Amino acid sequence: MIVCHCAVVGDRAIAEAAAQGATTLSRVCASTGAGRDCGACVFSVRQILCEHVGSEADHGLFTTSAEVHRAAS
């Protein structure tokens, strides 16, 4: 399923980035190109990332609004 329509990034690419060590929203966005234009997808990207990495509490993946803003810019 396409998550980022601007960069045409799918859920599989996000899961693959997480599997290769991109454990934060900003790292996933940097490695896949998702979230760099309009930013509408960053919450979906974050959700997919959390599903593949585990719970936020277990891995310290507390995404701040500043990180979401930075990933979207």
N, C-alpha and C. Protein backbone atom coordinates (compact mmCIF):
# COMPACT_ATOMS: atom_id res chain seq x y z
N MET A 1 0.85 -1.17 0.00
CA MET A 1 0.00 0.00 0.00
C MET A 1 0.90 1.24 0.00
N ILE A 2 0.57 2.21 -0.83
CA ILE A 2 1.32 3.46 -0.89
C ILE A 2 0.96 4.30 0.34
N VAL A 3 1.96 4.73 1.08
CA VAL A 3 1.75 5.55 2.27
C VAL A 3 2.05 7.00 1.95
N CYS A 4 3.14 7.24 1.24
CA CYS A 4 3.53 8.60 0.85
C CYS A 4 3.31 8.75 -0.64
N HIS A 5 2.29 9.51 -1.00
CA HIS A 5 1.97 9.68 -2.41
C HIS A 5 2.94 10.64 -3.11
N CYS A 6 3.52 11.55 -2.37
CA CYS A 6 4.46 12.50 -2.98
C CYS A 6 5.72 11.80 -3.50
N ALA A 7 6.26 10.89 -2.68
CA ALA A 7 7.49 10.18 -3.04
C ALA A 7 7.22 8.74 -3.47
N VAL A 8 5.97 8.35 -3.50
CA VAL A 8 5.54 6.99 -3.87
C VAL A 8 6.30 5.96 -3.03
N VAL A 9 6.10 6.05 -1.72
CA VAL A 9 6.74 5.13 -0.77
C VAL A 9 5.64 4.26 -0.17
N GLY A 10 5.86 2.97 -0.21
CA GLY A 10 4.88 2.03 0.32
C GLY A 10 5.22 1.53 1.71
N ASP A 11 4.27 0.83 2.28
CA ASP A 11 4.45 0.29 3.63
C ASP A 11 5.59 -0.73 3.68
N ARG A 12 5.82 -1.45 2.61
CA ARG A 12 6.92 -2.41 2.58
C ARG A 12 8.27 -1.72 2.66
N ALA A 13 8.41 -0.59 1.99
CA ALA A 13 9.67 0.16 2.04
C ALA A 13 9.93 0.69 3.44
N ILE A 14 8.87 1.10 4.11
CA ILE A 14 9.01 1.60 5.49
C ILE A 14 9.40 0.45 6.42
N ALA A 15 8.76 -0.70 6.27
CA ALA A 15 9.10 -1.87 7.08
C ALA A 15 10.53 -2.32 6.81
N GLU A 16 10.96 -2.27 5.57
CA GLU A 16 12.32 -2.65 5.22
C GLU A 16 13.34 -1.69 5.83
N ALA A 17 13.03 -0.40 5.80
CA ALA A 17 13.92 0.59 6.41
C ALA A 17 14.05 0.33 7.91
N ALA A 18 12.94 0.00 8.56
CA ALA A 18 12.97 -0.31 9.99
C ALA A 18 13.80 -1.56 10.25
N ALA A 19 13.64 -2.57 9.40
CA ALA A 19 14.40 -3.80 9.56
C ALA A 19 15.90 -3.58 9.37
N GLN A 20 16.26 -2.57 8.58
CA GLN A 20 17.66 -2.27 8.33
C GLN A 20 18.23 -1.28 9.34
N GLY A 21 17.46 -0.94 10.37
CA GLY A 21 18.00 -0.12 11.45
C GLY A 21 17.47 1.29 11.57
N ALA A 22 16.58 1.71 10.69
CA ALA A 22 15.98 3.05 10.81
C ALA A 22 14.90 2.96 11.87
N THR A 23 15.24 3.32 13.10
CA THR A 23 14.33 3.11 14.22
C THR A 23 13.63 4.38 14.69
N THR A 24 13.80 5.47 13.97
CA THR A 24 13.08 6.70 14.31
C THR A 24 12.37 7.20 13.07
N LEU A 25 11.38 8.04 13.28
CA LEU A 25 10.63 8.60 12.17
C LEU A 25 11.55 9.36 11.22
N SER A 26 12.43 10.16 11.76
CA SER A 26 13.31 10.96 10.89
C SER A 26 14.24 10.08 10.07
N ARG A 27 14.71 8.97 10.64
CA ARG A 27 15.59 8.07 9.90
C ARG A 27 14.83 7.36 8.79
N VAL A 28 13.61 6.94 9.07
CA VAL A 28 12.80 6.28 8.04
C VAL A 28 12.51 7.26 6.91
N CYS A 29 12.14 8.48 7.26
CA CYS A 29 11.85 9.49 6.24
C CYS A 29 13.10 9.81 5.41
N ALA A 30 14.24 9.89 6.06
CA ALA A 30 15.48 10.17 5.34
C ALA A 30 15.86 9.03 4.40
N SER A 31 15.66 7.80 4.84
CA SER A 31 16.08 6.68 4.01
C SER A 31 15.09 6.32 2.91
N THR A 32 13.81 6.65 3.10
CA THR A 32 12.81 6.29 2.09
C THR A 32 12.35 7.47 1.24
N GLY A 33 12.51 8.67 1.76
CA GLY A 33 12.01 9.85 1.07
C GLY A 33 10.60 10.22 1.45
N ALA A 34 9.97 9.39 2.27
CA ALA A 34 8.60 9.67 2.73
C ALA A 34 8.59 10.90 3.63
N GLY A 35 7.51 11.65 3.59
CA GLY A 35 7.32 12.76 4.51
C GLY A 35 8.11 14.01 4.20
N ARG A 36 8.75 14.09 3.09
CA ARG A 36 9.60 15.24 2.79
C ARG A 36 8.88 16.38 2.08
N ASP A 37 7.78 16.10 1.44
CA ASP A 37 7.08 17.16 0.71
C ASP A 37 5.94 17.74 1.55
N CYS A 38 4.78 17.16 1.46
CA CYS A 38 3.63 17.76 2.16
C CYS A 38 3.56 17.35 3.63
N GLY A 39 4.11 16.19 3.98
CA GLY A 39 4.11 15.75 5.37
C GLY A 39 2.83 15.08 5.84
N ALA A 40 1.87 14.93 4.97
CA ALA A 40 0.59 14.34 5.39
C ALA A 40 0.73 12.88 5.81
N CYS A 41 1.78 12.22 5.37
CA CYS A 41 1.94 10.79 5.63
C CYS A 41 2.71 10.47 6.90
N VAL A 42 3.31 11.44 7.56
CA VAL A 42 4.24 11.12 8.64
C VAL A 42 3.59 10.36 9.80
N PHE A 43 2.33 10.58 10.03
CA PHE A 43 1.67 9.85 11.12
C PHE A 43 1.46 8.40 10.73
N SER A 44 1.16 8.14 9.46
CA SER A 44 1.04 6.76 8.97
C SER A 44 2.40 6.08 8.95
N VAL A 45 3.42 6.81 8.55
CA VAL A 45 4.79 6.27 8.56
C VAL A 45 5.17 5.89 9.98
N ARG A 46 4.88 6.75 10.92
CA ARG A 46 5.20 6.49 12.33
C ARG A 46 4.46 5.25 12.83
N GLN A 47 3.20 5.11 12.48
CA GLN A 47 2.42 3.95 12.90
C GLN A 47 3.02 2.66 12.36
N ILE A 48 3.37 2.64 11.10
CA ILE A 48 3.98 1.45 10.50
C ILE A 48 5.32 1.15 11.15
N LEU A 49 6.10 2.18 11.40
CA LEU A 49 7.38 2.02 12.07
C LEU A 49 7.20 1.38 13.44
N CYS A 50 6.26 1.88 14.21
CA CYS A 50 6.02 1.34 15.55
C CYS A 50 5.55 -0.11 15.49
N GLU A 51 4.76 -0.45 14.49
CA GLU A 51 4.29 -1.82 14.35
C GLU A 51 5.44 -2.78 14.06
N HIS A 52 6.44 -2.31 13.33
CA HIS A 52 7.54 -3.19 12.95
C HIS A 52 8.68 -3.18 13.95
N VAL A 53 8.82 -2.15 14.72
CA VAL A 53 9.92 -2.07 15.67
C VAL A 53 9.47 -2.55 17.05
N GLY A 54 8.21 -2.41 17.37
CA GLY A 54 7.70 -2.78 18.67
C GLY A 54 7.05 -1.58 19.32
N SER A 55 6.70 -1.72 20.55
CA SER A 55 6.01 -0.62 21.22
C SER A 55 6.97 0.54 21.47
N GLU A 56 6.43 1.73 21.54
CA GLU A 56 7.25 2.93 21.76
C GLU A 56 7.95 2.87 23.11
N ALA A 57 7.29 2.41 24.10
CA ALA A 57 7.87 2.37 25.44
C ALA A 57 9.06 1.42 25.49
N ASP A 58 8.98 0.29 24.79
CA ASP A 58 10.05 -0.69 24.82
C ASP A 58 11.30 -0.21 24.08
N HIS A 59 11.12 0.64 23.08
CA HIS A 59 12.25 1.04 22.26
C HIS A 59 12.57 2.53 22.32
N GLY A 60 11.86 3.27 23.14
CA GLY A 60 12.14 4.69 23.28
C GLY A 60 11.82 5.50 22.05
N LEU A 61 10.79 5.12 21.31
CA LEU A 61 10.46 5.83 20.07
C LEU A 61 9.39 6.88 20.30
N PHE A 62 9.63 7.78 21.21
CA PHE A 62 8.68 8.85 21.47
C PHE A 62 8.93 9.96 20.46
N THR A 63 8.09 10.03 19.46
CA THR A 63 8.25 11.01 18.40
C THR A 63 7.63 12.32 18.85
N THR A 64 8.42 13.35 18.85
CA THR A 64 7.93 14.65 19.24
C THR A 64 7.34 15.38 18.05
N SER A 65 6.56 16.40 18.32
CA SER A 65 6.00 17.17 17.21
C SER A 65 7.12 17.86 16.44
N ALA A 66 8.22 18.17 17.08
CA ALA A 66 9.36 18.78 16.38
C ALA A 66 9.96 17.79 15.38
N GLU A 67 10.02 16.51 15.75
CA GLU A 67 10.55 15.52 14.83
C GLU A 67 9.61 15.34 13.65
N VAL A 68 8.31 15.33 13.89
CA VAL A 68 7.34 15.22 12.81
C VAL A 68 7.49 16.41 11.86
N HIS A 69 7.61 17.62 12.42
CA HIS A 69 7.76 18.83 11.61
C HIS A 69 9.04 18.75 10.79
N ARG A 70 10.14 18.33 11.41
CA ARG A 70 11.42 18.23 10.72
C ARG A 70 11.36 17.19 9.60
N ALA A 71 10.71 16.05 9.85
CA ALA A 71 10.60 15.01 8.82
C ALA A 71 9.75 15.48 7.65
N ALA A 72 8.80 16.34 7.93
CA ALA A 72 7.90 16.82 6.88
C ALA A 72 8.50 17.97 6.08
N SER A 73 9.60 18.52 6.54
CA SER A 73 10.17 19.66 5.82
C SER A 73 11.30 19.27 4.91
